[in-house]
PDB file of N, CA and C in Angstrom:
ATOM      1  N   MET A   1     180.845-125.193  40.589  1.00  0.00           N
ATOM      2  CA  MET A   1     181.925-124.685  41.405  1.00  0.00           C
ATOM      3  C   MET A   1     181.362-124.114  42.698  1.00  0.00           C
ATOM      4  N   PHE A   2     182.119-124.232  43.771  1.00  0.00           N
ATOM      5  CA  PHE A   2     181.669-123.738  45.057  1.00  0.00           C
ATOM      6  C   PHE A   2     182.855-123.248  45.880  1.00  0.00           C
ATOM      7  N   GLU A   3     182.558-122.443  46.877  1.00  0.00           N
ATOM      8  CA  GLU A   3     183.574-121.998  47.812  1.00  0.00           C
ATOM      9  C   GLU A   3     183.218-122.526  49.185  1.00  0.00           C
ATOM     10  N   SER A   4     184.221-123.022  49.888  1.00  0.00           N
ATOM     11  CA  SER A   4     184.003-123.552  51.224  1.00  0.00           C
ATOM     12  C   SER A   4     185.299-123.467  52.016  1.00  0.00           C
ATOM     13  N   GLU A   5     185.162-123.226  53.305  1.00  0.00           N
ATOM     14  CA  GLU A   5     186.335-123.204  54.170  1.00  0.00           C
ATOM     15  C   GLU A   5     186.777-124.601  54.575  1.00  0.00           C
ATOM     16  N   CYS A   6     185.894-125.596  54.444  1.00  0.00           N
ATOM     17  CA  CYS A   6     186.264-126.945  54.887  1.00  0.00           C
ATOM     18  C   CYS A   6     186.288-127.982  53.770  1.00  0.00           C
ATOM     19  N   LEU A   7     185.442-127.841  52.745  1.00  0.00           N
ATOM     20  CA  LEU A   7     185.413-128.799  51.649  1.00  0.00           C
ATOM     21  C   LEU A   7     186.156-128.248  50.447  1.00  0.00           C
ATOM     22  N   ASP A   8     186.962-129.107  49.829  1.00  0.00           N
ATOM     23  CA  ASP A   8     187.720-128.711  48.649  1.00  0.00           C
ATOM     24  C   ASP A   8     187.033-129.189  47.363  1.00  0.00           C
ATOM     25  N   ALA A   9     186.547-130.438  47.390  1.00  0.00           N
ATOM     26  CA  ALA A   9     185.919-131.014  46.204  1.00  0.00           C
ATOM     27  C   ALA A   9     185.057-132.201  46.618  1.00  0.00           C
ATOM     28  N   PHE A  10     184.137-132.567  45.728  1.00  0.00           N
ATOM     29  CA  PHE A  10     183.375-133.786  45.951  1.00  0.00           C
ATOM     30  C   PHE A  10     182.956-134.377  44.625  1.00  0.00           C
ATOM     31  N   SER A  11     182.719-135.686  44.638  1.00  0.00           N
ATOM     32  CA  SER A  11     182.216-136.385  43.462  1.00  0.00           C
ATOM     33  C   SER A  11     181.225-137.434  43.946  1.00  0.00           C
ATOM     34  N   TYR A  12     180.357-137.864  43.046  1.00  0.00           N
ATOM     35  CA  TYR A  12     179.284-138.776  43.428  1.00  0.00           C
ATOM     36  C   TYR A  12     179.069-139.827  42.365  1.00  0.00           C
ATOM     37  N   SER A  13     178.906-141.068  42.803  1.00  0.00           N
ATOM     38  CA  SER A  13     178.529-142.151  41.917  1.00  0.00           C
ATOM     39  C   SER A  13     177.080-142.496  42.223  1.00  0.00           C
ATOM     40  N   ALA A  14     176.178-142.129  41.321  1.00  0.00           N
ATOM     41  CA  ALA A  14     174.754-142.421  41.518  1.00  0.00           C
ATOM     42  C   ALA A  14     174.501-143.928  41.528  1.00  0.00           C
ATOM     43  N   LYS A  15     175.222-144.653  40.699  1.00  0.00           N
ATOM     44  CA  LYS A  15     175.051-146.106  40.616  1.00  0.00           C
ATOM     45  C   LYS A  15     175.397-146.779  41.942  1.00  0.00           C
ATOM     46  N   LEU A  16     176.486-146.343  42.567  1.00  0.00           N
ATOM     47  CA  LEU A  16     176.939-146.936  43.832  1.00  0.00           C
ATOM     48  C   LEU A  16     176.430-146.186  45.058  1.00  0.00           C
ATOM     49  N   LYS A  17     175.823-144.997  44.838  1.00  0.00           N
ATOM     50  CA  LYS A  17     175.353-144.130  45.909  1.00  0.00           C
ATOM     51  C   LYS A  17     176.480-143.780  46.883  1.00  0.00           C
ATOM     52  N   LYS A  18     177.666-143.494  46.310  1.00  0.00           N
ATOM     53  CA  LYS A  18     178.838-143.143  47.115  1.00  0.00           C
ATOM     54  C   LYS A  18     179.246-141.702  46.829  1.00  0.00           C
ATOM     55  N   LEU A  19     179.433-140.963  47.906  1.00  0.00           N
ATOM     56  CA  LEU A  19     179.844-139.571  47.825  1.00  0.00           C
ATOM     57  C   LEU A  19     181.280-139.468  48.337  1.00  0.00           C
ATOM     58  N   MET A  20     182.184-139.009  47.505  1.00  0.00           N
ATOM     59  CA  MET A  20     183.589-138.843  47.869  1.00  0.00           C
ATOM     60  C   MET A  20     183.828-137.364  48.123  1.00  0.00           C
ATOM     61  N   ILE A  21     184.322-137.056  49.318  1.00  0.00           N
ATOM     62  CA  ILE A  21     184.565-135.662  49.677  1.00  0.00           C
ATOM     63  C   ILE A  21     186.031-135.485  50.017  1.00  0.00           C
ATOM     64  N   THR A  22     186.641-134.460  49.427  1.00  0.00           N
ATOM     65  CA  THR A  22     188.006-134.062  49.744  1.00  0.00           C
ATOM     66  C   THR A  22     187.927-132.765  50.545  1.00  0.00           C
ATOM     67  N   PHE A  23     188.550-132.774  51.700  1.00  0.00           N
ATOM     68  CA  PHE A  23     188.552-131.599  52.563  1.00  0.00           C
ATOM     69  C   PHE A  23     189.777-130.745  52.271  1.00  0.00           C
ATOM     70  N   VAL A  24     189.747-129.498  52.716  1.00  0.00           N
ATOM     71  CA  VAL A  24     190.844-128.586  52.411  1.00  0.00           C
ATOM     72  C   VAL A  24     192.169-129.050  53.010  1.00  0.00           C
ATOM     73  N   ASP A  25     192.125-129.865  54.051  1.00  0.00           N
ATOM     74  CA  ASP A  25     193.376-130.378  54.636  1.00  0.00           C
ATOM     75  C   ASP A  25     193.941-131.559  53.850  1.00  0.00           C
ATOM     76  N   GLY A  26     193.259-131.956  52.765  1.00  0.00           N
ATOM     77  CA  GLY A  26     193.726-133.042  51.916  1.00  0.00           C
ATOM     78  C   GLY A  26     193.132-134.397  52.243  1.00  0.00           C
ATOM     79  N   SER A  27     192.439-134.523  53.360  1.00  0.00           N
ATOM     80  CA  SER A  27     191.838-135.810  53.713  1.00  0.00           C
ATOM     81  C   SER A  27     190.652-136.093  52.781  1.00  0.00           C
ATOM     82  N   VAL A  28     190.458-137.382  52.518  1.00  0.00           N
ATOM     83  CA  VAL A  28     189.400-137.810  51.611  1.00  0.00           C
ATOM     84  C   VAL A  28     188.554-138.868  52.327  1.00  0.00           C
ATOM     85  N   TYR A  29     187.242-138.680  52.260  1.00  0.00           N
ATOM     86  CA  TYR A  29     186.295-139.609  52.878  1.00  0.00           C
ATOM     87  C   TYR A  29     185.280-140.045  51.843  1.00  0.00           C
ATOM     88  N   GLU A  30     184.857-141.303  51.960  1.00  0.00           N
ATOM     89  CA  GLU A  30     183.820-141.832  51.090  1.00  0.00           C
ATOM     90  C   GLU A  30     182.606-142.166  51.950  1.00  0.00           C
ATOM     91  N   PHE A  31     181.481-141.560  51.611  1.00  0.00           N
ATOM     92  CA  PHE A  31     180.234-141.767  52.341  1.00  0.00           C
ATOM     93  C   PHE A  31     179.358-142.725  51.531  1.00  0.00           C
ATOM     94  N   GLN A  32     178.804-143.735  52.218  1.00  0.00           N
ATOM     95  CA  GLN A  32     178.030-144.779  51.555  1.00  0.00           C
ATOM     96  C   GLN A  32     176.528-144.526  51.664  1.00  0.00           C
ATOM     97  N   ASP A  33     175.803-145.042  50.663  1.00  0.00           N
ATOM     98  CA  ASP A  33     174.335-145.019  50.613  1.00  0.00           C
ATOM     99  C   ASP A  33     173.752-143.618  50.703  1.00  0.00           C
ATOM    100  N   VAL A  34     174.383-142.679  50.050  1.00  0.00           N
ATOM    101  CA  VAL A  34     173.899-141.300  50.034  1.00  0.00           C
ATOM    102  C   VAL A  34     172.929-141.145  48.863  1.00  0.00           C
ATOM    103  N   PRO A  35     171.684-140.780  49.149  1.00  0.00           N
ATOM    104  CA  PRO A  35     170.708-140.614  48.059  1.00  0.00           C
ATOM    105  C   PRO A  35     171.080-139.469  47.118  1.00  0.00           C
ATOM    106  N   ARG A  36     170.694-139.615  45.894  1.00  0.00           N
ATOM    107  CA  ARG A  36     170.943-138.606  44.863  1.00  0.00           C
ATOM    108  C   ARG A  36     170.376-137.246  45.278  1.00  0.00           C
ATOM    109  N   GLU A  37     169.213-137.240  45.942  1.00  0.00           N
ATOM    110  CA  GLU A  37     168.569-135.992  46.347  1.00  0.00           C
ATOM    111  C   GLU A  37     169.427-135.209  47.346  1.00  0.00           C
ATOM    112  N   ILE A  38     170.131-135.913  48.207  1.00  0.00           N
ATOM    113  CA  ILE A  38     171.009-135.263  49.191  1.00  0.00           C
ATOM    114  C   ILE A  38     172.167-134.586  48.477  1.00  0.00           C
ATOM    115  N   VAL A  39     172.737-135.266  47.505  1.00  0.00           N
ATOM    116  CA  VAL A  39     173.865-134.690  46.746  1.00  0.00           C
ATOM    117  C   VAL A  39     173.381-133.514  45.909  1.00  0.00           C
ATOM    118  N   ALA A  40     172.215-133.624  45.318  1.00  0.00           N
ATOM    119  CA  ALA A  40     171.665-132.520  44.531  1.00  0.00           C
ATOM    120  C   ALA A  40     171.469-131.287  45.410  1.00  0.00           C
ATOM    121  N   ALA A  41     170.995-131.480  46.630  1.00  0.00           N
ATOM    122  CA  ALA A  41     170.817-130.365  47.551  1.00  0.00           C
ATOM    123  C   ALA A  41     172.157-129.793  47.984  1.00  0.00           C
ATOM    124  N   LEU A  42     173.159-130.645  48.133  1.00  0.00           N
ATOM    125  CA  LEU A  42     174.512-130.172  48.468  1.00  0.00           C
ATOM    126  C   LEU A  42     175.033-129.248  47.378  1.00  0.00           C
ATOM    127  N   VAL A  43     174.840-129.646  46.144  1.00  0.00           N
ATOM    128  CA  VAL A  43     175.341-128.879  44.995  1.00  0.00           C
ATOM    129  C   VAL A  43     174.751-127.468  44.955  1.00  0.00           C
ATOM    130  N   ILE A  44     173.493-127.320  45.301  1.00  0.00           N
ATOM    131  CA  ILE A  44     172.843-126.009  45.190  1.00  0.00           C
ATOM    132  C   ILE A  44     172.766-125.248  46.512  1.00  0.00           C
ATOM    133  N   SER A  45     173.300-125.826  47.580  1.00  0.00           N
ATOM    134  CA  SER A  45     173.194-125.160  48.884  1.00  0.00           C
ATOM    135  C   SER A  45     174.006-123.875  48.920  1.00  0.00           C
ATOM    136  N   ALA A  46     173.529-122.927  49.715  1.00  0.00           N
ATOM    137  CA  ALA A  46     174.225-121.648  49.870  1.00  0.00           C
ATOM    138  C   ALA A  46     175.563-121.838  50.575  1.00  0.00           C
ATOM    139  N   SER A  47     175.639-122.849  51.452  1.00  0.00           N
ATOM    140  CA  SER A  47     176.878-123.155  52.169  1.00  0.00           C
ATOM    141  C   SER A  47     177.074-124.674  52.162  1.00  0.00           C
ATOM    142  N   VAL A  48     177.977-125.152  51.304  1.00  0.00           N
ATOM    143  CA  VAL A  48     178.198-126.601  51.225  1.00  0.00           C
ATOM    144  C   VAL A  48     178.761-127.148  52.528  1.00  0.00           C
ATOM    145  N   GLY A  49     179.580-126.371  53.221  1.00  0.00           N
ATOM    146  CA  GLY A  49     180.121-126.820  54.501  1.00  0.00           C
ATOM    147  C   GLY A  49     179.039-127.008  55.538  1.00  0.00           C
ATOM    148  N   ARG A  50     178.153-126.051  55.639  1.00  0.00           N
ATOM    149  CA  ARG A  50     177.043-126.142  56.597  1.00  0.00           C
ATOM    150  C   ARG A  50     176.116-127.289  56.224  1.00  0.00           C
ATOM    151  N   TYR A  51     175.802-127.423  54.933  1.00  0.00           N
ATOM    152  CA  TYR A  51     174.925-128.512  54.493  1.00  0.00           C
ATOM    153  C   TYR A  51     175.569-129.859  54.812  1.00  0.00           C
ATOM    154  N   PHE A  52     176.861-129.988  54.512  1.00  0.00           N
ATOM    155  CA  PHE A  52     177.564-131.224  54.827  1.00  0.00           C
ATOM    156  C   PHE A  52     177.463-131.536  56.315  1.00  0.00           C
ATOM    157  N   ASN A  53     177.753-130.557  57.147  1.00  0.00           N
ATOM    158  CA  ASN A  53     177.723-130.777  58.600  1.00  0.00           C
ATOM    159  C   ASN A  53     176.339-131.156  59.103  1.00  0.00           C
ATOM    160  N   ASN A  54     175.307-130.546  58.555  1.00  0.00           N
ATOM    161  CA  ASN A  54     173.940-130.786  59.026  1.00  0.00           C
ATOM    162  C   ASN A  54     173.274-132.018  58.436  1.00  0.00           C
ATOM    163  N   GLU A  55     173.588-132.340  57.189  1.00  0.00           N
ATOM    164  CA  GLU A  55     172.819-133.359  56.479  1.00  0.00           C
ATOM    165  C   GLU A  55     173.586-134.626  56.098  1.00  0.00           C
ATOM    166  N   ILE A  56     174.919-134.586  56.157  1.00  0.00           N
ATOM    167  CA  ILE A  56     175.696-135.733  55.682  1.00  0.00           C
ATOM    168  C   ILE A  56     176.621-136.297  56.748  1.00  0.00           C
ATOM    169  N   ARG A  57     177.403-135.451  57.378  1.00  0.00           N
ATOM    170  CA  ARG A  57     178.491-135.880  58.259  1.00  0.00           C
ATOM    171  C   ARG A  57     178.101-136.993  59.242  1.00  0.00           C
ATOM    172  N   ASP A  58     177.069-136.794  60.014  1.00  0.00           N
ATOM    173  CA  ASP A  58     176.687-137.788  61.029  1.00  0.00           C
ATOM    174  C   ASP A  58     175.517-138.657  60.605  1.00  0.00           C
ATOM    175  N   GLN A  59     175.147-138.592  59.334  1.00  0.00           N
ATOM    176  CA  GLN A  59     173.971-139.321  58.858  1.00  0.00           C
ATOM    177  C   GLN A  59     174.302-140.579  58.050  1.00  0.00           C
ATOM    178  N   TYR A  60     175.507-140.641  57.497  1.00  0.00           N
ATOM    179  CA  TYR A  60     175.855-141.747  56.609  1.00  0.00           C
ATOM    180  C   TYR A  60     177.168-142.384  57.034  1.00  0.00           C
ATOM    181  N   ALA A  61     177.251-143.689  56.853  1.00  0.00           N
ATOM    182  CA  ALA A  61     178.500-144.403  57.145  1.00  0.00           C
ATOM    183  C   ALA A  61     179.579-143.921  56.199  1.00  0.00           C
ATOM    184  N   TYR A  62     180.798-143.904  56.680  1.00  0.00           N
ATOM    185  CA  TYR A  62     181.905-143.412  55.848  1.00  0.00           C
ATOM    186  C   TYR A  62     183.170-144.199  56.101  1.00  0.00           C
ATOM    187  N   THR A  63     184.085-144.066  55.167  1.00  0.00           N
ATOM    188  CA  THR A  63     185.417-144.653  55.269  1.00  0.00           C
ATOM    189  C   THR A  63     186.420-143.566  54.929  1.00  0.00           C
ATOM    190  N   LYS A  64     187.471-143.459  55.728  1.00  0.00           N
ATOM    191  CA  LYS A  64     188.528-142.507  55.415  1.00  0.00           C
ATOM    192  C   LYS A  64     189.424-143.162  54.370  1.00  0.00           C
ATOM    193  N   ILE A  65     189.587-142.491  53.239  1.00  0.00           N
ATOM    194  CA  ILE A  65     190.391-143.006  52.136  1.00  0.00           C
ATOM    195  C   ILE A  65     191.845-142.560  52.271  1.00  0.00           C
ATOM    196  N   SER A  66     192.048-141.289  52.618  1.00  0.00           N
ATOM    197  CA  SER A  66     193.411-140.792  52.826  1.00  0.00           C
ATOM    198  C   SER A  66     193.379-139.548  53.683  1.00  0.00           C
TER     199      SER A  66
END
């Protein structure tokens, strides 16, 4: 469990290397080719929002799901 002002939830498929992130505004994005180590660091980060912005947002291709 985590608290964030911008992220509501996330899930990860290690097999597909896809990270699904739901933001607090309800939008959902799927990030492709995200290594397991990046997701593991996201899970334990002191600030998931900051980690997302610094390490994921502009680093991986994504698709807006909704």
